Amino acid sequence: MRKVTALLLVLGLIFCSANVLWAQDGNAEGTTDGSTQVEGEDASATEAEMAQPETPAPAPAAADEEESGPDKTGFQILKEKFIEGDWRFMSFVLICLILGLAFCIERVITLNIATTNTDKLLARIDDQLKSGDVNGAMEVCKSTPGPTASILYEGLKNAGNGPDAVEKAIVSYGSVQMGLLEKGLVWISLFIAIAPMLGFMGTVIGMIGAFDDIQAAGDISPNIVAGGIKVALLTTVFGLVVAIILQIFYNYIVSKIDGIVNRMEDASVALVEIMANNNVFK
């Protein structure tokens, strides 16, 4: 179920990104067709104006309305800047963002499901052990989701071998659960490192292209290099933005794992005490 959820999230993010790019391509084609139509209309209007006497120029009201139009939203500005960047590097940065967010969301959902109320769980186990029903306590752990219940189940399963065996089973299985909790963090850290690197690479290659334009023109003119440098720096900006977003999710996931591990350790110590108090070790 978790894998299916993560796959749906990835497909959704890819679909949204594709819609943004397709919309921009459609706008570009519409602008081209519109400009062609306007050129034809301008030619007809020119012929008509030549046949009519000159009239006073209208007041520039339309220009004032355009200048006082609604401001662009942050998302629109972000979309325009993304499209202005070099697609060869911006597409890789976008892929890092999509895959990184997919892993982050999957981990957040998994860790929220794995969070268990250890006090309530230990109270239920204590009630079963007070009546001498070890199997009932094991059923309580088996019916409770999360890694804490799993390691407590392993401890109860080795109750007949003494407290040392219980502690050893808890420590061994706790390491397994720890690895499952940290699953996917390596990939998140990889995307955090790769995203700004791809941005820096795009900047360096863009600067090289700008200097090639200077060499070809034989003159250092702002008009020659400004566009190339702007596109090059946009890749770095978006690479850093992706890394910052994923780093925030990464720190949240690590703190969530630390909290679960601390509760697992406390519950393990409390289980041994409960078993000793109820004379489970004979």
C-alpha atoms as a PDB file:
ATOM      1  CA  MET A   1       0.000   0.000   0.000  1.00  0.00           C
ATOM      2  CA  ARG A   2       2.814   2.389   0.829  1.00  0.00           C
ATOM      3  CA  LYS A   3       4.587   1.665  -2.458  1.00  0.00           C
ATOM      4  CA  VAL A   4       1.369   2.274  -4.389  1.00  0.00           C
ATOM      5  CA  THR A   5       0.839   5.573  -2.581  1.00  0.00           C
ATOM      6  CA  ALA A   6       4.388   6.694  -3.344  1.00  0.00           C
ATOM      7  CA  LEU A   7       3.981   5.723  -7.007  1.00  0.00           C
ATOM      8  CA  LEU A   8       0.757   7.707  -7.287  1.00  0.00           C
ATOM      9  CA  LEU A   9       2.452  10.741  -5.758  1.00  0.00           C
ATOM     10  CA  VAL A  10       5.326  10.507  -8.249  1.00  0.00           C
ATOM     11  CA  LEU A  11       2.947  10.190 -11.184  1.00  0.00           C
ATOM     12  CA  GLY A  12       0.910  13.145  -9.912  1.00  0.00           C
ATOM     13  CA  LEU A  13       3.968  15.378  -9.619  1.00  0.00           C
ATOM     14  CA  ILE A  14       5.186  14.370 -13.083  1.00  0.00           C
ATOM     15  CA  PHE A  15       1.722  15.067 -14.533  1.00  0.00           C
ATOM     16  CA  CYS A  16       1.589  18.530 -12.950  1.00  0.00           C
ATOM     17  CA  SER A  17       5.064  19.371 -14.251  1.00  0.00           C
ATOM     18  CA  ALA A  18       4.125  18.205 -17.738  1.00  0.00           C
ATOM     19  CA  ASN A  19       0.995  20.375 -17.670  1.00  0.00           C
ATOM     20  CA  VAL A  20       3.108  23.414 -16.803  1.00  0.00           C
ATOM     21  CA  LEU A  21       5.472  22.788 -19.717  1.00  0.00           C
ATOM     22  CA  TRP A  22       2.649  22.020 -22.161  1.00  0.00           C
ATOM     23  CA  ALA A  23       0.802  25.165 -21.124  1.00  0.00           C
ATOM     24  CA  GLN A  24       3.897  27.231 -21.753  1.00  0.00           C
ATOM     25  CA  ASP A  25       4.379  25.624 -25.191  1.00  0.00           C
ATOM     26  CA  GLY A  26       0.730  26.348 -26.007  1.00  0.00           C
ATOM     27  CA  ASN A  27       1.141  29.978 -24.999  1.00  0.00           C
ATOM     28  CA  ALA A  28       4.240  30.258 -27.148  1.00  0.00           C
ATOM     29  CA  GLU A  29       2.406  28.788 -30.177  1.00  0.00           C
ATOM     30  CA  GLY A  30      -0.582  31.043 -29.549  1.00  0.00           C
ATOM     31  CA  THR A  31       1.703  34.059 -29.402  1.00  0.00           C
ATOM     32  CA  THR A  32       3.310  33.085 -32.704  1.00  0.00           C
ATOM     33  CA  ASP A  33      -0.036  32.624 -34.449  1.00  0.00           C
ATOM     34  CA  GLY A  34      -1.337  35.827 -32.914  1.00  0.00           C
ATOM     35  CA  SER A  35       1.668  37.798 -34.077  1.00  0.00           C
ATOM     36  CA  THR A  36       1.204  36.457 -37.629  1.00  0.00           C
ATOM     37  CA  GLN A  37      -2.430  37.482 -37.585  1.00  0.00           C
ATOM     38  CA  VAL A  38      -1.551  40.903 -36.211  1.00  0.00           C
ATOM     39  CA  GLU A  39       1.002  41.408 -38.977  1.00  0.00           C
ATOM     40  CA  GLY A  40      -1.704  40.738 -41.579  1.00  0.00           C
ATOM     41  CA  GLU A  41      -4.081  43.095 -39.835  1.00  0.00           C
ATOM     42  CA  ASP A  42      -1.376  45.759 -39.610  1.00  0.00           C
ATOM     43  CA  ALA A  43      -0.790  45.537 -43.346  1.00  0.00           C
ATOM     44  CA  SER A  44      -4.506  46.004 -44.044  1.00  0.00           C
ATOM     45  CA  ALA A  45      -4.716  48.831 -41.573  1.00  0.00           C
ATOM     46  CA  THR A  46      -1.749  50.566 -43.190  1.00  0.00           C
ATOM     47  CA  GLU A  47      -3.423  50.490 -46.575  1.00  0.00           C
ATOM     48  CA  ALA A  48      -6.631  51.903 -45.088  1.00  0.00           C
ATOM     49  CA  GLU A  49      -4.786  54.681 -43.289  1.00  0.00           C
ATOM     50  CA  MET A  50      -3.023  55.700 -46.487  1.00  0.00           C
ATOM     51  CA  ALA A  51      -6.437  56.192 -48.096  1.00  0.00           C
ATOM     52  CA  GLN A  52      -7.841  58.247 -45.187  1.00  0.00           C
ATOM     53  CA  PRO A  53      -6.771  61.626 -43.844  1.00  0.00           C
ATOM     54  CA  GLU A  54      -4.679  61.796 -40.735  1.00  0.00           C
ATOM     55  CA  THR A  55      -6.495  61.918 -37.373  1.00  0.00           C
ATOM     56  CA  PRO A  56      -5.229  62.898 -33.940  1.00  0.00           C
ATOM     57  CA  ALA A  57      -3.500  60.097 -32.031  1.00  0.00           C
ATOM     58  CA  PRO A  58      -5.641  58.571 -29.242  1.00  0.00           C
ATOM     59  CA  ALA A  59      -4.679  58.953 -25.622  1.00  0.00           C
ATOM     60  CA  PRO A  60      -2.439  56.197 -24.286  1.00  0.00           C
ATOM     61  CA  ALA A  61      -5.158  54.728 -22.043  1.00  0.00           C
ATOM     62  CA  ALA A  62      -4.524  51.123 -23.046  1.00  0.00           C
ATOM     63  CA  ALA A  63      -0.880  51.374 -22.108  1.00  0.00           C
ATOM     64  CA  ASP A  64      -1.809  52.800 -18.743  1.00  0.00           C
ATOM     65  CA  GLU A  65      -4.277  49.958 -18.172  1.00  0.00           C
ATOM     66  CA  GLU A  66      -1.614  47.370 -19.001  1.00  0.00           C
ATOM     67  CA  GLU A  67       0.861  48.966 -16.644  1.00  0.00           C
ATOM     68  CA  SER A  68      -1.731  49.121 -13.838  1.00  0.00           C
ATOM     69  CA  GLY A  69      -2.888  45.533 -14.410  1.00  0.00           C
ATOM     70  CA  PRO A  70      -2.805  42.890 -11.660  1.00  0.00           C
ATOM     71  CA  ASP A  71       0.641  41.858 -10.423  1.00  0.00           C
ATOM     72  CA  LYS A  72       1.908  38.402 -11.225  1.00  0.00           C
ATOM     73  CA  THR A  73       1.677  35.789  -8.524  1.00  0.00           C
ATOM     74  CA  GLY A  74       4.713  34.081  -7.063  1.00  0.00           C
ATOM     75  CA  PHE A  75       3.893  30.828  -8.844  1.00  0.00           C
ATOM     76  CA  GLN A  76       3.677  32.575 -12.229  1.00  0.00           C
ATOM     77  CA  ILE A  77       7.025  34.264 -11.683  1.00  0.00           C
ATOM     78  CA  LEU A  78       8.550  30.954 -10.603  1.00  0.00           C
ATOM     79  CA  LYS A  79       7.173  29.222 -13.686  1.00  0.00           C
ATOM     80  CA  GLU A  80       8.520  31.913 -16.015  1.00  0.00           C
ATOM     81  CA  LYS A  81      11.967  31.804 -14.441  1.00  0.00           C
ATOM     82  CA  PHE A  82      12.008  28.023 -14.635  1.00  0.00           C
ATOM     83  CA  ILE A  83      11.194  28.099 -18.351  1.00  0.00           C
ATOM     84  CA  GLU A  84      13.777  30.831 -18.976  1.00  0.00           C
ATOM     85  CA  GLY A  85      16.492  28.541 -17.614  1.00  0.00           C
ATOM     86  CA  ASP A  86      18.279  26.006 -19.770  1.00  0.00           C
ATOM     87  CA  TRP A  87      15.972  22.981 -20.111  1.00  0.00           C
ATOM     88  CA  ARG A  88      18.927  20.587 -20.277  1.00  0.00           C
ATOM     89  CA  PHE A  89      19.729  21.229 -16.626  1.00  0.00           C
ATOM     90  CA  MET A  90      16.405  22.503 -15.305  1.00  0.00           C
ATOM     91  CA  SER A  91      14.727  19.217 -16.265  1.00  0.00           C
ATOM     92  CA  PHE A  92      17.260  17.246 -14.199  1.00  0.00           C
ATOM     93  CA  VAL A  93      16.728  19.577 -11.244  1.00  0.00           C
ATOM     94  CA  LEU A  94      12.959  19.062 -11.572  1.00  0.00           C
ATOM     95  CA  ILE A  95      13.433  15.287 -11.606  1.00  0.00           C
ATOM     96  CA  CYS A  96      15.485  15.531  -8.399  1.00  0.00           C
ATOM     97  CA  LEU A  97      12.662  17.522  -6.790  1.00  0.00           C
ATOM     98  CA  ILE A  98       9.953  15.073  -7.874  1.00  0.00           C
ATOM     99  CA  LEU A  99      11.810  11.928  -6.787  1.00  0.00           C
ATOM    100  CA  GLY A 100      13.056  13.527  -3.567  1.00  0.00           C
ATOM    101  CA  LEU A 101       9.544  14.636  -2.589  1.00  0.00           C
ATOM    102  CA  ALA A 102       8.191  11.166  -3.401  1.00  0.00           C
ATOM    103  CA  PHE A 103      10.685   9.539  -1.012  1.00  0.00           C
ATOM    104  CA  CYS A 104      10.035  12.188   1.644  1.00  0.00           C
ATOM    105  CA  ILE A 105       6.257  11.827   1.524  1.00  0.00           C
ATOM    106  CA  GLU A 106       6.527   8.039   1.638  1.00  0.00           C
ATOM    107  CA  ARG A 107       8.767   8.232   4.728  1.00  0.00           C
ATOM    108  CA  VAL A 108       6.500  10.734   6.476  1.00  0.00           C
ATOM    109  CA  ILE A 109       3.432   8.536   5.916  1.00  0.00           C
ATOM    110  CA  THR A 110       5.296   5.405   7.037  1.00  0.00           C
ATOM    111  CA  LEU A 111       6.670   7.025  10.195  1.00  0.00           C
ATOM    112  CA  ASN A 112       3.283   8.450  11.159  1.00  0.00           C
ATOM    113  CA  ILE A 113       1.796   4.967  10.848  1.00  0.00           C
ATOM    114  CA  ALA A 114       4.704   3.528  12.860  1.00  0.00           C
ATOM    115  CA  THR A 115       4.147   5.930  15.758  1.00  0.00           C
ATOM    116  CA  THR A 116       2.613   3.997  18.674  1.00  0.00           C
ATOM    117  CA  ASN A 117       1.251   5.027  22.058  1.00  0.00           C
ATOM    118  CA  THR A 118       3.750   2.998  24.094  1.00  0.00           C
ATOM    119  CA  ASP A 119       2.134   3.765  27.462  1.00  0.00           C
ATOM    120  CA  LYS A 120      -1.191   2.336  26.354  1.00  0.00           C
ATOM    121  CA  LEU A 121       0.521  -0.679  24.778  1.00  0.00           C
ATOM    122  CA  LEU A 122       2.538  -1.467  27.915  1.00  0.00           C
ATOM    123  CA  ALA A 123      -0.588  -1.113  30.056  1.00  0.00           C
ATOM    124  CA  ARG A 124      -2.393  -3.699  27.933  1.00  0.00           C
ATOM    125  CA  ILE A 125       0.610  -6.034  28.119  1.00  0.00           C
ATOM    126  CA  ASP A 126       0.753  -5.589  31.891  1.00  0.00           C
ATOM    127  CA  ASP A 127      -2.927  -6.527  32.202  1.00  0.00           C
ATOM    128  CA  GLN A 128      -2.319  -9.751  30.287  1.00  0.00           C
ATOM    129  CA  LEU A 129       0.811 -10.678  32.233  1.00  0.00           C
ATOM    130  CA  LYS A 130      -0.895 -10.090  35.590  1.00  0.00           C
ATOM    131  CA  SER A 131      -3.245 -12.935  34.717  1.00  0.00           C
ATOM    132  CA  GLY A 132      -0.287 -15.070  33.584  1.00  0.00           C
ATOM    133  CA  ASP A 133      -1.327 -14.996  29.920  1.00  0.00           C
ATOM    134  CA  VAL A 134       1.930 -14.517  27.997  1.00  0.00           C
ATOM    135  CA  ASN A 135       0.303 -15.602  24.749  1.00  0.00           C
ATOM    136  CA  GLY A 136      -2.375 -12.960  25.235  1.00  0.00           C
ATOM    137  CA  ALA A 137       0.321 -10.308  25.666  1.00  0.00           C
ATOM    138  CA  MET A 138       1.945 -11.531  22.446  1.00  0.00           C
ATOM    139  CA  GLU A 139      -1.395 -11.232  20.645  1.00  0.00           C
ATOM    140  CA  VAL A 140      -1.694  -7.659  21.879  1.00  0.00           C
ATOM    141  CA  CYS A 141       1.717  -6.854  20.350  1.00  0.00           C
ATOM    142  CA  LYS A 142       0.881  -8.694  17.145  1.00  0.00           C
ATOM    143  CA  SER A 143      -2.348  -6.716  16.666  1.00  0.00           C
ATOM    144  CA  THR A 144      -0.624  -3.358  17.241  1.00  0.00           C
ATOM    145  CA  PRO A 145       1.144  -1.794  14.222  1.00  0.00           C
ATOM    146  CA  GLY A 146       4.572  -0.230  14.487  1.00  0.00           C
ATOM    147  CA  PRO A 147       8.161  -1.233  15.259  1.00  0.00           C
ATOM    148  CA  THR A 148       7.746  -0.824  19.027  1.00  0.00           C
ATOM    149  CA  ALA A 149       5.111  -3.551  19.188  1.00  0.00           C
ATOM    150  CA  SER A 150       7.270  -5.773  16.984  1.00  0.00           C
ATOM    151  CA  ILE A 151      10.315  -5.669  19.266  1.00  0.00           C
ATOM    152  CA  LEU A 152       8.124  -6.184  22.340  1.00  0.00           C
ATOM    153  CA  TYR A 153       6.662  -9.243  20.638  1.00  0.00           C
ATOM    154  CA  GLU A 154      10.153 -10.639  20.104  1.00  0.00           C
ATOM    155  CA  GLY A 155      10.950 -10.047  23.770  1.00  0.00           C
ATOM    156  CA  LEU A 156       7.811 -11.841  24.955  1.00  0.00           C
ATOM    157  CA  LYS A 157       8.518 -14.724  22.608  1.00  0.00           C
ATOM    158  CA  ASN A 158      11.824 -15.356  24.418  1.00  0.00           C
ATOM    159  CA  ALA A 159      10.362 -14.977  27.917  1.00  0.00           C
ATOM    160  CA  GLY A 160      10.953 -18.643  28.736  1.00  0.00           C
ATOM    161  CA  ASN A 161      14.723 -18.284  28.256  1.00  0.00           C
ATOM    162  CA  GLY A 162      15.243 -15.667  30.973  1.00  0.00           C
ATOM    163  CA  PRO A 163      15.781 -11.887  31.061  1.00  0.00           C
ATOM    164  CA  ASP A 164      19.122 -12.045  29.259  1.00  0.00           C
ATOM    165  CA  ALA A 165      17.546 -13.762  26.279  1.00  0.00           C
ATOM    166  CA  VAL A 166      14.735 -11.207  26.244  1.00  0.00           C
ATOM    167  CA  GLU A 167      17.144  -8.276  26.230  1.00  0.00           C
ATOM    168  CA  LYS A 168      19.284  -9.880  23.523  1.00  0.00           C
ATOM    169  CA  ALA A 169      16.243 -10.522  21.317  1.00  0.00           C
ATOM    170  CA  ILE A 170      15.050  -6.932  21.782  1.00  0.00           C
ATOM    171  CA  VAL A 171      18.457  -5.468  20.881  1.00  0.00           C
ATOM    172  CA  SER A 172      18.875  -7.706  17.829  1.00  0.00           C
ATOM    173  CA  TYR A 173      15.405  -7.083  16.436  1.00  0.00           C
ATOM    174  CA  GLY A 174      15.642  -3.392  17.325  1.00  0.00           C
ATOM    175  CA  SER A 175      18.562  -3.070  14.898  1.00  0.00           C
ATOM    176  CA  VAL A 176      16.412  -4.582  12.166  1.00  0.00           C
ATOM    177  CA  GLN A 177      13.572  -2.153  12.862  1.00  0.00           C
ATOM    178  CA  MET A 178      16.035   0.736  12.917  1.00  0.00           C
ATOM    179  CA  GLY A 179      17.158  -0.153   9.400  1.00  0.00           C
ATOM    180  CA  LEU A 180      13.558  -0.277   8.206  1.00  0.00           C
ATOM    181  CA  LEU A 181      12.860   3.161   9.681  1.00  0.00           C
ATOM    182  CA  GLU A 182      15.866   4.668   7.889  1.00  0.00           C
ATOM    183  CA  LYS A 183      14.934   3.120   4.548  1.00  0.00           C
ATOM    184  CA  GLY A 184      15.051   5.684   1.736  1.00  0.00           C
ATOM    185  CA  LEU A 185      17.056   8.330   3.623  1.00  0.00           C
ATOM    186  CA  VAL A 186      20.116   7.596   1.483  1.00  0.00           C
ATOM    187  CA  TRP A 187      18.210   8.533  -1.661  1.00  0.00           C
ATOM    188  CA  ILE A 188      16.871  11.734  -0.111  1.00  0.00           C
ATOM    189  CA  SER A 189      20.385  12.803   0.911  1.00  0.00           C
ATOM    190  CA  LEU A 190      21.572  11.937  -2.616  1.00  0.00           C
ATOM    191  CA  PHE A 191      19.021  14.270  -4.237  1.00  0.00           C
ATOM    192  CA  ILE A 192      19.902  16.989  -1.717  1.00  0.00           C
ATOM    193  CA  ALA A 193      23.528  16.792  -2.864  1.00  0.00           C
ATOM    194  CA  ILE A 194      22.855  16.372  -6.599  1.00  0.00           C
ATOM    195  CA  ALA A 195      20.354  19.228  -7.090  1.00  0.00           C
ATOM    196  CA  PRO A 196      22.763  22.120  -6.322  1.00  0.00           C
ATOM    197  CA  MET A 197      25.562  20.330  -8.172  1.00  0.00           C
ATOM    198  CA  LEU A 198      23.431  20.210 -11.317  1.00  0.00           C
ATOM    199  CA  GLY A 199      22.634  23.899 -10.831  1.00  0.00           C
ATOM    200  CA  PHE A 200      26.310  24.795 -10.496  1.00  0.00           C
ATOM    201  CA  MET A 201      27.140  22.728 -13.567  1.00  0.00           C
ATOM    202  CA  GLY A 202      24.506  24.596 -15.571  1.00  0.00           C
ATOM    203  CA  THR A 203      25.943  27.903 -14.357  1.00  0.00           C
ATOM    204  CA  VAL A 204      29.494  26.974 -15.330  1.00  0.00           C
ATOM    205  CA  ILE A 205      28.446  25.750 -18.771  1.00  0.00           C
ATOM    206  CA  GLY A 206      26.328  28.881 -19.272  1.00  0.00           C
ATOM    207  CA  MET A 207      29.284  31.098 -18.363  1.00  0.00           C
ATOM    208  CA  ILE A 208      31.446  29.207 -20.831  1.00  0.00           C
ATOM    209  CA  GLY A 209      28.809  29.863 -23.516  1.00  0.00           C
ATOM    210  CA  ALA A 210      28.743  33.558 -22.584  1.00  0.00           C
ATOM    211  CA  PHE A 211      32.508  33.837 -22.992  1.00  0.00           C
ATOM    212  CA  ASP A 212      32.258  32.013 -26.314  1.00  0.00           C
ATOM    213  CA  ASP A 213      29.776  34.680 -27.449  1.00  0.00           C
ATOM    214  CA  ILE A 214      32.199  37.404 -26.354  1.00  0.00           C
ATOM    215  CA  GLN A 215      35.002  35.753 -28.281  1.00  0.00           C
ATOM    216  CA  ALA A 216      32.848  35.382 -31.401  1.00  0.00           C
ATOM    217  CA  ALA A 217      31.694  39.022 -31.228  1.00  0.00           C
ATOM    218  CA  GLY A 218      35.144  40.369 -30.381  1.00  0.00           C
ATOM    219  CA  ASP A 219      33.598  42.861 -27.959  1.00  0.00           C
ATOM    220  CA  ILE A 220      32.520  42.827 -24.315  1.00  0.00           C
ATOM    221  CA  SER A 221      28.983  44.121 -24.587  1.00  0.00           C
ATOM    222  CA  PRO A 222      26.314  43.714 -21.880  1.00  0.00           C
ATOM    223  CA  ASN A 223      23.759  42.812 -24.510  1.00  0.00           C
ATOM    224  CA  ILE A 224      25.872  39.857 -25.583  1.00  0.00           C
ATOM    225  CA  VAL A 225      26.525  38.246 -22.218  1.00  0.00           C
ATOM    226  CA  ALA A 226      23.547  39.346 -20.092  1.00  0.00           C
ATOM    227  CA  GLY A 227      21.115  36.747 -21.428  1.00  0.00           C
ATOM    228  CA  GLY A 228      23.557  33.849 -21.154  1.00  0.00           C
ATOM    229  CA  ILE A 229      24.611  34.772 -17.614  1.00  0.00           C
ATOM    230  CA  LYS A 230      20.976  35.149 -16.505  1.00  0.00           C
ATOM    231  CA  VAL A 231      20.065  31.690 -17.789  1.00  0.00           C
ATOM    232  CA  ALA A 232      23.177  30.222 -16.166  1.00  0.00           C
ATOM    233  CA  LEU A 233      22.407  31.698 -12.749  1.00  0.00           C
ATOM    234  CA  LEU A 234      18.793  30.514 -12.828  1.00  0.00           C
ATOM    235  CA  THR A 235      19.938  26.888 -12.775  1.00  0.00           C
ATOM    236  CA  THR A 236      21.894  27.537  -9.576  1.00  0.00           C
ATOM    237  CA  VAL A 237      18.920  29.256  -7.927  1.00  0.00           C
ATOM    238  CA  PHE A 238      16.539  26.392  -8.654  1.00  0.00           C
ATOM    239  CA  GLY A 239      19.119  23.793  -7.624  1.00  0.00           C
ATOM    240  CA  LEU A 240      19.521  25.504  -4.254  1.00  0.00           C
ATOM    241  CA  VAL A 241      15.740  25.838  -3.818  1.00  0.00           C
ATOM    242  CA  VAL A 242      15.285  22.102  -4.414  1.00  0.00           C
ATOM    243  CA  ALA A 243      18.067  21.263  -1.954  1.00  0.00           C
ATOM    244  CA  ILE A 244      16.552  23.525   0.735  1.00  0.00           C
ATOM    245  CA  ILE A 245      13.091  21.971   0.362  1.00  0.00           C
ATOM    246  CA  LEU A 246      14.422  18.414   0.569  1.00  0.00           C
ATOM    247  CA  GLN A 247      16.721  19.292   3.481  1.00  0.00           C
ATOM    248  CA  ILE A 248      13.742  20.505   5.531  1.00  0.00           C
ATOM    249  CA  PHE A 249      11.909  17.241   4.904  1.00  0.00           C
ATOM    250  CA  TYR A 250      15.074  15.254   5.673  1.00  0.00           C
ATOM    251  CA  ASN A 251      15.564  16.912   9.063  1.00  0.00           C
ATOM    252  CA  TYR A 252      11.911  16.356   9.952  1.00  0.00           C
ATOM    253  CA  ILE A 253      12.181  12.660   9.043  1.00  0.00           C
ATOM    254  CA  VAL A 254      15.375  12.212  11.066  1.00  0.00           C
ATOM    255  CA  SER A 255      13.795  13.853  14.117  1.00  0.00           C
ATOM    256  CA  LYS A 256      10.747  11.612  13.710  1.00  0.00           C
ATOM    257  CA  ILE A 257      12.965   8.509  13.596  1.00  0.00           C
ATOM    258  CA  ASP A 258      14.869   9.621  16.702  1.00  0.00           C
ATOM    259  CA  GLY A 259      11.603  10.012  18.599  1.00  0.00           C
ATOM    260  CA  ILE A 260      10.412   6.538  17.589  1.00  0.00           C
ATOM    261  CA  VAL A 261      13.764   4.977  18.548  1.00  0.00           C
ATOM    262  CA  ASN A 262      13.700   6.648  21.974  1.00  0.00           C
ATOM    263  CA  ARG A 263      10.205   5.314  22.612  1.00  0.00           C
ATOM    264  CA  MET A 264      11.334   1.857  21.497  1.00  0.00           C
ATOM    265  CA  GLU A 265      14.198   1.877  23.996  1.00  0.00           C
ATOM    266  CA  ASP A 266      11.993   3.090  26.855  1.00  0.00           C
ATOM    267  CA  ALA A 267       9.360   0.482  26.049  1.00  0.00           C
ATOM    268  CA  SER A 268      11.999  -2.277  25.963  1.00  0.00           C
ATOM    269  CA  VAL A 269      13.280  -1.396  29.438  1.00  0.00           C
ATOM    270  CA  ALA A 270       9.732  -1.125  30.762  1.00  0.00           C
ATOM    271  CA  LEU A 271       8.814  -4.525  29.299  1.00  0.00           C
ATOM    272  CA  VAL A 272      11.626  -6.291  31.174  1.00  0.00           C
ATOM    273  CA  GLU A 273      10.512  -4.633  34.403  1.00  0.00           C
ATOM    274  CA  ILE A 274       6.867  -5.602  33.805  1.00  0.00           C
ATOM    275  CA  MET A 275       7.846  -9.199  33.098  1.00  0.00           C
ATOM    276  CA  ALA A 276       9.978  -9.323  36.274  1.00  0.00           C
ATOM    277  CA  ASN A 277       7.230  -7.805  38.410  1.00  0.00           C
ATOM    278  CA  ASN A 278       4.697 -10.357  37.145  1.00  0.00           C
ATOM    279  CA  ASN A 279       7.056 -13.317  37.776  1.00  0.00           C
ATOM    280  CA  VAL A 280       7.237 -14.246  34.109  1.00  0.00           C
ATOM    281  CA  PHE A 281      10.882 -15.323  34.491  1.00  0.00           C
ATOM    282  CA  LYS A 282      11.000 -18.631  36.355  1.00  0.00           C
END
